[in-house]
Structure formats: structure tokens, C-alpha cells
C-alpha atoms as a PDB file:
ATOM      1  CA  MET A   1       0.000   0.000   0.000  1.00  0.00           C
ATOM      2  CA  GLU A   2       1.417   3.346  -1.035  1.00  0.00           C
ATOM      3  CA  ILE A   3       0.986   6.132   1.529  1.00  0.00           C
ATOM      4  CA  THR A   4       0.294   9.477  -0.096  1.00  0.00           C
ATOM      5  CA  ARG A   5       1.131  12.879   1.351  1.00  0.00           C
ATOM      6  CA  GLU A   6      -2.582  13.428   1.931  1.00  0.00           C
ATOM      7  CA  THR A   7      -2.886  10.200   3.934  1.00  0.00           C
ATOM      8  CA  ALA A   8       0.251  11.037   5.932  1.00  0.00           C
ATOM      9  CA  ARG A   9      -1.165  14.476   6.761  1.00  0.00           C
ATOM     10  CA  TYR A  10      -4.430  12.863   7.875  1.00  0.00           C
ATOM     11  CA  VAL A  11      -2.618  10.362  10.116  1.00  0.00           C
ATOM     12  CA  ALA A  12      -0.446  13.166  11.521  1.00  0.00           C
ATOM     13  CA  LYS A  13      -3.559  15.209  12.327  1.00  0.00           C
ATOM     14  CA  LEU A  14      -5.183  12.245  14.086  1.00  0.00           C
ATOM     15  CA  SER A  15      -1.952  11.676  16.025  1.00  0.00           C
ATOM     16  CA  ARG A  16      -1.618  15.360  16.856  1.00  0.00           C
ATOM     17  CA  LEU A  17       1.794  15.477  15.163  1.00  0.00           C
ATOM     18  CA  GLU A  18       3.313  18.270  13.149  1.00  0.00           C
ATOM     19  CA  ILE A  19       5.281  17.093  10.128  1.00  0.00           C
ATOM     20  CA  ALA A  20       7.236  19.650   8.148  1.00  0.00           C
ATOM     21  CA  ASP A  21       6.667  19.658   4.385  1.00  0.00           C
ATOM     22  CA  GLU A  22      10.335  18.837   3.737  1.00  0.00           C
ATOM     23  CA  ASP A  23       9.980  15.705   5.918  1.00  0.00           C
ATOM     24  CA  MET A  24       6.726  14.519   4.367  1.00  0.00           C
ATOM     25  CA  ASP A  25       8.337  12.404   1.604  1.00  0.00           C
ATOM     26  CA  SER A  26      10.487  10.594   4.168  1.00  0.00           C
ATOM     27  CA  VAL A  27       7.460   9.957   6.382  1.00  0.00           C
ATOM     28  CA  CYS A  28       5.473   8.599   3.419  1.00  0.00           C
ATOM     29  CA  ARG A  29       8.314   6.223   2.482  1.00  0.00           C
ATOM     30  CA  GLY A  30       8.642   5.085   6.103  1.00  0.00           C
ATOM     31  CA  LEU A  31       4.918   4.427   6.548  1.00  0.00           C
ATOM     32  CA  THR A  32       4.753   2.635   3.193  1.00  0.00           C
ATOM     33  CA  SER A  33       7.692   0.450   4.249  1.00  0.00           C
ATOM     34  CA  ILE A  34       6.050  -0.383   7.575  1.00  0.00           C
ATOM     35  CA  LEU A  35       2.751  -1.337   5.936  1.00  0.00           C
ATOM     36  CA  SER A  36       4.533  -3.447   3.303  1.00  0.00           C
ATOM     37  CA  TYR A  37       6.353  -5.312   6.058  1.00  0.00           C
ATOM     38  CA  MET A  38       3.077  -5.896   7.903  1.00  0.00           C
ATOM     39  CA  ASP A  39       1.560  -7.292   4.688  1.00  0.00           C
ATOM     40  CA  GLU A  40       4.519  -9.722   4.421  1.00  0.00           C
ATOM     41  CA  ILE A  41       4.018 -10.837   7.997  1.00  0.00           C
ATOM     42  CA  ASN A  42       0.274 -11.285   7.518  1.00  0.00           C
ATOM     43  CA  ALA A  43       0.850 -13.359   4.369  1.00  0.00           C
ATOM     44  CA  SER A  44       3.511 -15.593   5.926  1.00  0.00           C
ATOM     45  CA  ILE A  45       1.862 -16.491   9.223  1.00  0.00           C
ATOM     46  CA  ASP A  46      -0.808 -19.169   9.241  1.00  0.00           C
ATOM     47  CA  THR A  47      -3.280 -18.507  12.031  1.00  0.00           C
ATOM     48  CA  GLU A  48      -5.907 -21.072  11.028  1.00  0.00           C
ATOM     49  CA  ALA A  49      -4.936 -23.486  13.824  1.00  0.00           C
ATOM     50  CA  VAL A  50      -4.928 -20.800  16.523  1.00  0.00           C
ATOM     51  CA  CYS A  51      -8.039 -20.746  18.656  1.00  0.00           C
ATOM     52  CA  VAL A  52      -9.644 -17.458  19.501  1.00  0.00           C
ATOM     53  CA  THR A  53      -9.253 -16.641  23.179  1.00  0.00           C
ATOM     54  CA  GLY A  54     -10.823 -13.213  23.413  1.00  0.00           C
ATOM     55  CA  GLY A  55     -13.834 -13.300  25.676  1.00  0.00           C
ATOM     56  CA  GLY A  56     -15.792 -16.311  26.774  1.00  0.00           C
ATOM     57  CA  PHE A  57     -14.127 -16.433  30.175  1.00  0.00           C
ATOM     58  CA  ASP A  58     -16.259 -16.456  33.273  1.00  0.00           C
ATOM     59  CA  CYS A  59     -14.523 -14.347  35.855  1.00  0.00           C
ATOM     60  CA  PRO A  60     -15.550 -15.147  39.392  1.00  0.00           C
ATOM     61  CA  THR A  61     -16.983 -12.068  41.010  1.00  0.00           C
ATOM     62  CA  ARG A  62     -18.388 -11.298  44.381  1.00  0.00           C
ATOM     63  CA  PRO A  63     -21.595  -9.413  44.918  1.00  0.00           C
ATOM     64  CA  ASP A  64     -21.345  -5.749  45.849  1.00  0.00           C
ATOM     65  CA  THR A  65     -22.452  -5.436  49.423  1.00  0.00           C
ATOM     66  CA  VAL A  66     -22.338  -2.503  51.795  1.00  0.00           C
ATOM     67  CA  GLN A  67     -19.949  -3.200  54.630  1.00  0.00           C
ATOM     68  CA  PRO A  68     -19.010  -1.121  57.628  1.00  0.00           C
ATOM     69  CA  SER A  69     -15.822   0.898  57.354  1.00  0.00           C
ATOM     70  CA  MET A  70     -13.700   3.039  59.670  1.00  0.00           C
ATOM     71  CA  ALA A  71     -15.247   5.973  61.410  1.00  0.00           C
ATOM     72  CA  ARG A  72     -14.634   9.286  59.612  1.00  0.00           C
ATOM     73  CA  ALA A  73     -13.151  10.921  62.719  1.00  0.00           C
ATOM     74  CA  LEU A  74     -10.606   8.115  63.119  1.00  0.00           C
ATOM     75  CA  LEU A  75      -9.528   8.418  59.478  1.00  0.00           C
ATOM     76  CA  LEU A  76      -9.245  12.192  59.673  1.00  0.00           C
ATOM     77  CA  ASP A  77      -7.162  11.990  62.829  1.00  0.00           C
ATOM     78  CA  ASN A  78      -4.487  10.137  60.840  1.00  0.00           C
ATOM     79  CA  ALA A  79      -4.390  12.739  58.052  1.00  0.00           C
ATOM     80  CA  PRO A  80      -1.699  15.451  58.086  1.00  0.00           C
ATOM     81  CA  GLU A  81      -4.303  18.134  57.309  1.00  0.00           C
ATOM     82  CA  HIS A  82      -8.059  17.987  57.437  1.00  0.00           C
ATOM     83  CA  SER A  83     -11.159  20.022  58.017  1.00  0.00           C
ATOM     84  CA  ASP A  84     -14.084  18.754  60.051  1.00  0.00           C
ATOM     85  CA  GLU A  85     -15.254  16.446  57.274  1.00  0.00           C
ATOM     86  CA  THR A  86     -12.613  16.150  54.524  1.00  0.00           C
ATOM     87  CA  LEU A  87      -8.933  15.682  53.874  1.00  0.00           C
ATOM     88  CA  ILE A  88      -6.930  18.707  52.775  1.00  0.00           C
ATOM     89  CA  VAL A  89      -4.405  17.866  50.071  1.00  0.00           C
ATOM     90  CA  PRO A  90      -1.871  19.990  48.171  1.00  0.00           C
ATOM     91  CA  ARG A  91      -3.201  21.762  45.095  1.00  0.00           C
ATOM     92  CA  VAL A  92      -2.176  19.904  41.928  1.00  0.00           C
ATOM     93  CA  VAL A  93      -3.925  21.972  39.250  1.00  0.00           C
ATOM     94  CA  GLU A  94      -3.258  25.645  38.801  1.00  0.00           C
END
């Protein structure tokens, strides 16, 4: 599959990448090479005997039940900073 400049620009936009015009030919050749290699791999590997394993598993789960937890006052006493009802943490977003 030949990657055109238009396709490379589209992929770059989806990937939020900026590609300079002078680098576009190199990017197109690289992407074309990668896709050609993937086509070779797909043609040379026989997956007919491989069983599909996605899904179909029953994961054991427990029911969600309300259980008692620690008292709020006891938890807050262990916190470095707190108000009467909540923890006070350092600001992470400016």
C-alpha cells in the first residue's frame, strides 16, 4: 500500500503530530515500508490453527455489598491536614 502525502497528513492530524513539508516524503516512504512489512508478515503467518481466546471467560466475582468501614473521625485523625469532614491535600492543578 502506497501512503500518499494526503494520507500522511491525515494520520499526523489524528496523532496530533506536526510534520514539516520537507519531511513529508520521508514519512510517506517510512509508513509505506512499515505497511509493506506488515503485509509480508500477515501473508507468511498461518493462524488457522490458533483458537480465539478473546472473551468467553467467566470471571468469578463477588456481589457488591455494603460493609461497615472506619469511622470518619478516626480516618481524619491520621491525616496530616483535614477540616471537620474532609482531607486537605496539596493543590495539583493551577
